[in-house]
Amino acid sequence: MSLIGSIRTYLLTYSGLVSGAGLLVDTLGKEPTQYSLVPLPGARIVQTYINGATVREFAFAVQSMESTADDPARIANHEFLETLADWIESQNEAEVFPTLNSGKTPTRIEVLGQPILFEFGESGTGIYQLQIKLTYDQDA
């Protein structure tokens, strides 16, 4: 399975996702509530060992299409992503990681910053985003 597929499967175990909202890859619909995983640019290999094994990173964003009609809605949107960030951090501390293909061993999953309103739509909706990074060892 691809890295993004493994991460998708992992995130679907988070109980805070709205039931039936789906978790798509690289796309969001126009109506709330929907979720998407989007790979982010960055270095893949951060360290190479003498035996050819590598330490790698895979950065991605969890995006959420939500209502932005008023302050209570916007606050709730931030609360959702803050709770997701807390879950990611607790999973990392417990060393509960996505299941990767043979030869790839996850070592860390971390939130890279605060949730943000990434894009404000004209129809009372917006895309919120939380950036996350998975670090893993890959055999030679």
C-alpha atoms as a PDB file:
ATOM      1  CA  MET A   1       0.000   0.000   0.000  1.00  0.00           C
ATOM      2  CA  SER A   2       1.219   3.555  -0.693  1.00  0.00           C
ATOM      3  CA  LEU A   3       2.259   5.839   2.145  1.00  0.00           C
ATOM      4  CA  ILE A   4      -0.801   8.038   1.643  1.00  0.00           C
ATOM      5  CA  GLY A   5      -3.026   4.944   1.622  1.00  0.00           C
ATOM      6  CA  SER A   6      -1.480   3.720   4.878  1.00  0.00           C
ATOM      7  CA  ILE A   7      -1.941   7.135   6.476  1.00  0.00           C
ATOM      8  CA  ARG A   8      -5.548   7.283   5.266  1.00  0.00           C
ATOM      9  CA  THR A   9      -6.286   3.888   6.854  1.00  0.00           C
ATOM     10  CA  TYR A  10      -4.603   5.058  10.073  1.00  0.00           C
ATOM     11  CA  LEU A  11      -6.545   8.337  10.266  1.00  0.00           C
ATOM     12  CA  LEU A  12      -9.841   6.574   9.664  1.00  0.00           C
ATOM     13  CA  THR A  13      -9.369   5.026  13.131  1.00  0.00           C
ATOM     14  CA  TYR A  14      -9.733   8.499  14.672  1.00  0.00           C
ATOM     15  CA  SER A  15     -13.180   8.587  16.266  1.00  0.00           C
ATOM     16  CA  GLY A  16     -13.540  12.368  15.899  1.00  0.00           C
ATOM     17  CA  LEU A  17     -14.191  12.246  12.147  1.00  0.00           C
ATOM     18  CA  VAL A  18     -17.782  13.046  11.180  1.00  0.00           C
ATOM     19  CA  SER A  19     -19.483   9.782  10.238  1.00  0.00           C
ATOM     20  CA  GLY A  20     -20.044   9.503   6.490  1.00  0.00           C
ATOM     21  CA  ALA A  21     -17.871  12.528   5.669  1.00  0.00           C
ATOM     22  CA  GLY A  22     -15.212  10.398   3.957  1.00  0.00           C
ATOM     23  CA  LEU A  23     -11.472  10.928   3.801  1.00  0.00           C
ATOM     24  CA  LEU A  24     -10.403  11.625   0.231  1.00  0.00           C
ATOM     25  CA  VAL A  25      -6.915  12.036  -1.233  1.00  0.00           C
ATOM     26  CA  ASP A  26      -5.917  15.251  -3.052  1.00  0.00           C
ATOM     27  CA  THR A  27      -9.462  16.579  -3.356  1.00  0.00           C
ATOM     28  CA  LEU A  28     -12.336  18.075  -1.397  1.00  0.00           C
ATOM     29  CA  GLY A  29     -15.915  18.582  -2.422  1.00  0.00           C
ATOM     30  CA  LYS A  30     -17.676  21.918  -2.090  1.00  0.00           C
ATOM     31  CA  GLU A  31     -20.022  21.091   0.796  1.00  0.00           C
ATOM     32  CA  PRO A  32     -19.198  20.636   4.491  1.00  0.00           C
ATOM     33  CA  THR A  33     -18.126  18.351   6.127  1.00  0.00           C
ATOM     34  CA  GLN A  34     -15.486  16.551   4.060  1.00  0.00           C
ATOM     35  CA  TYR A  35     -11.874  15.570   4.689  1.00  0.00           C
ATOM     36  CA  SER A  36      -8.837  15.177   2.468  1.00  0.00           C
ATOM     37  CA  LEU A  37      -5.196  14.124   2.711  1.00  0.00           C
ATOM     38  CA  VAL A  38      -2.774  16.203   0.673  1.00  0.00           C
ATOM     39  CA  PRO A  39       0.958  15.405   0.392  1.00  0.00           C
ATOM     40  CA  LEU A  40       3.214  18.403   1.051  1.00  0.00           C
ATOM     41  CA  PRO A  41       6.502  19.266  -0.642  1.00  0.00           C
ATOM     42  CA  GLY A  42       9.756  18.592   1.163  1.00  0.00           C
ATOM     43  CA  ALA A  43      12.781  16.353   1.382  1.00  0.00           C
ATOM     44  CA  ARG A  44      12.025  12.659   1.398  1.00  0.00           C
ATOM     45  CA  ILE A  45      15.396  11.373   2.574  1.00  0.00           C
ATOM     46  CA  VAL A  46      16.802  13.077   5.660  1.00  0.00           C
ATOM     47  CA  GLN A  47      19.637  10.673   6.427  1.00  0.00           C
ATOM     48  CA  THR A  48      21.420   7.843   4.613  1.00  0.00           C
ATOM     49  CA  TYR A  49      23.371   5.216   6.530  1.00  0.00           C
ATOM     50  CA  ILE A  50      26.541   3.530   5.284  1.00  0.00           C
ATOM     51  CA  ASN A  51      24.588   0.296   4.668  1.00  0.00           C
ATOM     52  CA  GLY A  52      22.166   2.155   2.352  1.00  0.00           C
ATOM     53  CA  ALA A  53      19.265   2.285   4.798  1.00  0.00           C
ATOM     54  CA  THR A  54      17.583   5.686   5.078  1.00  0.00           C
ATOM     55  CA  VAL A  55      15.554   7.836   7.427  1.00  0.00           C
ATOM     56  CA  ARG A  56      12.688   9.379   5.485  1.00  0.00           C
ATOM     57  CA  GLU A  57       9.921  11.876   6.049  1.00  0.00           C
ATOM     58  CA  PHE A  58       6.493  12.160   4.505  1.00  0.00           C
ATOM     59  CA  ALA A  59       4.746  15.473   5.195  1.00  0.00           C
ATOM     60  CA  PHE A  60       1.037  15.822   4.527  1.00  0.00           C
ATOM     61  CA  ALA A  61      -1.943  17.956   5.435  1.00  0.00           C
ATOM     62  CA  VAL A  62      -5.334  16.920   6.715  1.00  0.00           C
ATOM     63  CA  GLN A  63      -7.817  19.313   5.173  1.00  0.00           C
ATOM     64  CA  SER A  64     -11.407  19.779   6.231  1.00  0.00           C
ATOM     65  CA  MET A  65     -14.148  21.556   4.271  1.00  0.00           C
ATOM     66  CA  GLU A  66     -16.321  23.224   6.900  1.00  0.00           C
ATOM     67  CA  SER A  67     -18.935  25.902   7.422  1.00  0.00           C
ATOM     68  CA  THR A  68     -17.461  29.305   8.269  1.00  0.00           C
ATOM     69  CA  ALA A  69     -20.808  31.092   8.671  1.00  0.00           C
ATOM     70  CA  ASP A  70     -20.098  32.568  12.107  1.00  0.00           C
ATOM     71  CA  ASP A  71     -17.625  32.626  14.989  1.00  0.00           C
ATOM     72  CA  PRO A  72     -19.099  29.594  16.810  1.00  0.00           C
ATOM     73  CA  ALA A  73     -18.702  27.511  13.619  1.00  0.00           C
ATOM     74  CA  ARG A  74     -15.134  28.695  13.081  1.00  0.00           C
ATOM     75  CA  ILE A  75     -14.245  27.996  16.715  1.00  0.00           C
ATOM     76  CA  ALA A  76     -15.717  24.487  16.417  1.00  0.00           C
ATOM     77  CA  ASN A  77     -13.626  23.897  13.283  1.00  0.00           C
ATOM     78  CA  HIS A  78     -10.448  24.820  15.134  1.00  0.00           C
ATOM     79  CA  GLU A  79     -11.496  22.657  18.069  1.00  0.00           C
ATOM     80  CA  PHE A  80     -11.866  19.642  15.754  1.00  0.00           C
ATOM     81  CA  LEU A  81      -8.338  20.065  14.370  1.00  0.00           C
ATOM     82  CA  GLU A  82      -6.855  20.781  17.810  1.00  0.00           C
ATOM     83  CA  THR A  83      -8.424  17.539  19.045  1.00  0.00           C
ATOM     84  CA  LEU A  84      -7.022  15.688  16.023  1.00  0.00           C
ATOM     85  CA  ALA A  85      -3.588  17.169  16.800  1.00  0.00           C
ATOM     86  CA  ASP A  86      -3.875  15.945  20.401  1.00  0.00           C
ATOM     87  CA  TRP A  87      -4.807  12.464  19.120  1.00  0.00           C
ATOM     88  CA  ILE A  88      -1.785  12.412  16.774  1.00  0.00           C
ATOM     89  CA  GLU A  89       0.486  13.424  19.659  1.00  0.00           C
ATOM     90  CA  SER A  90      -0.941  10.744  21.972  1.00  0.00           C
ATOM     91  CA  GLN A  91      -0.597   8.105  19.219  1.00  0.00           C
ATOM     92  CA  ASN A  92       3.045   9.123  18.783  1.00  0.00           C
ATOM     93  CA  GLU A  93       3.719   8.893  22.522  1.00  0.00           C
ATOM     94  CA  ALA A  94       2.125   5.424  22.588  1.00  0.00           C
ATOM     95  CA  GLU A  95       4.116   4.478  19.450  1.00  0.00           C
ATOM     96  CA  VAL A  96       0.933   3.672  17.537  1.00  0.00           C
ATOM     97  CA  PHE A  97       1.794   4.417  13.931  1.00  0.00           C
ATOM     98  CA  PRO A  98       0.403   3.734  10.464  1.00  0.00           C
ATOM     99  CA  THR A  99       1.148   0.239   9.182  1.00  0.00           C
ATOM    100  CA  LEU A 100       3.667   0.570   6.341  1.00  0.00           C
ATOM    101  CA  ASN A 101       4.892  -1.838   3.684  1.00  0.00           C
ATOM    102  CA  SER A 102       7.651  -4.323   4.467  1.00  0.00           C
ATOM    103  CA  GLY A 103      11.035  -2.649   4.842  1.00  0.00           C
ATOM    104  CA  LYS A 104       9.515   0.591   6.167  1.00  0.00           C
ATOM    105  CA  THR A 105       9.297   1.147   9.919  1.00  0.00           C
ATOM    106  CA  PRO A 106       7.550   4.254  11.273  1.00  0.00           C
ATOM    107  CA  THR A 107       9.390   5.965  14.135  1.00  0.00           C
ATOM    108  CA  ARG A 108       7.451   9.189  14.688  1.00  0.00           C
ATOM    109  CA  ILE A 109       4.319  11.047  13.680  1.00  0.00           C
ATOM    110  CA  GLU A 110       4.075  14.704  14.622  1.00  0.00           C
ATOM    111  CA  VAL A 111       1.957  17.783  14.109  1.00  0.00           C
ATOM    112  CA  LEU A 112       3.895  20.588  12.420  1.00  0.00           C
ATOM    113  CA  GLY A 113       1.970  23.597  13.661  1.00  0.00           C
ATOM    114  CA  GLN A 114      -1.373  25.086  14.542  1.00  0.00           C
ATOM    115  CA  PRO A 115      -4.541  24.421  12.550  1.00  0.00           C
ATOM    116  CA  ILE A 116      -5.239  27.205  10.072  1.00  0.00           C
ATOM    117  CA  LEU A 117      -8.058  28.449   7.881  1.00  0.00           C
ATOM    118  CA  PHE A 118      -6.262  27.625   4.638  1.00  0.00           C
ATOM    119  CA  GLU A 119      -8.847  28.952   2.211  1.00  0.00           C
ATOM    120  CA  PHE A 120     -11.952  31.046   2.829  1.00  0.00           C
ATOM    121  CA  GLY A 121     -14.755  30.382   0.369  1.00  0.00           C
ATOM    122  CA  GLU A 122     -17.406  32.813  -0.830  1.00  0.00           C
ATOM    123  CA  SER A 123     -20.354  30.612   0.099  1.00  0.00           C
ATOM    124  CA  GLY A 124     -19.856  30.462   3.870  1.00  0.00           C
ATOM    125  CA  THR A 125     -17.405  27.572   3.711  1.00  0.00           C
ATOM    126  CA  GLY A 126     -13.694  27.236   4.150  1.00  0.00           C
ATOM    127  CA  ILE A 127     -10.866  24.747   4.059  1.00  0.00           C
ATOM    128  CA  TYR A 128      -9.081  24.201   7.350  1.00  0.00           C
ATOM    129  CA  GLN A 129      -5.698  22.501   7.416  1.00  0.00           C
ATOM    130  CA  LEU A 130      -3.415  20.713   9.863  1.00  0.00           C
ATOM    131  CA  GLN A 131       0.101  19.762   8.730  1.00  0.00           C
ATOM    132  CA  ILE A 132       1.595  16.476   9.929  1.00  0.00           C
ATOM    133  CA  LYS A 133       4.844  14.604   9.303  1.00  0.00           C
ATOM    134  CA  LEU A 134       5.512  10.872   9.404  1.00  0.00           C
ATOM    135  CA  THR A 135       9.146   9.827   9.918  1.00  0.00           C
ATOM    136  CA  TYR A 136      10.168   6.276   9.078  1.00  0.00           C
ATOM    137  CA  ASP A 137      13.201   4.063   8.525  1.00  0.00           C
ATOM    138  CA  GLN A 138      13.536   2.341   5.164  1.00  0.00           C
ATOM    139  CA  ASP A 139      15.745  -0.704   4.671  1.00  0.00           C
ATOM    140  CA  ALA A 140      18.447  -0.655   2.017  1.00  0.00           C
END
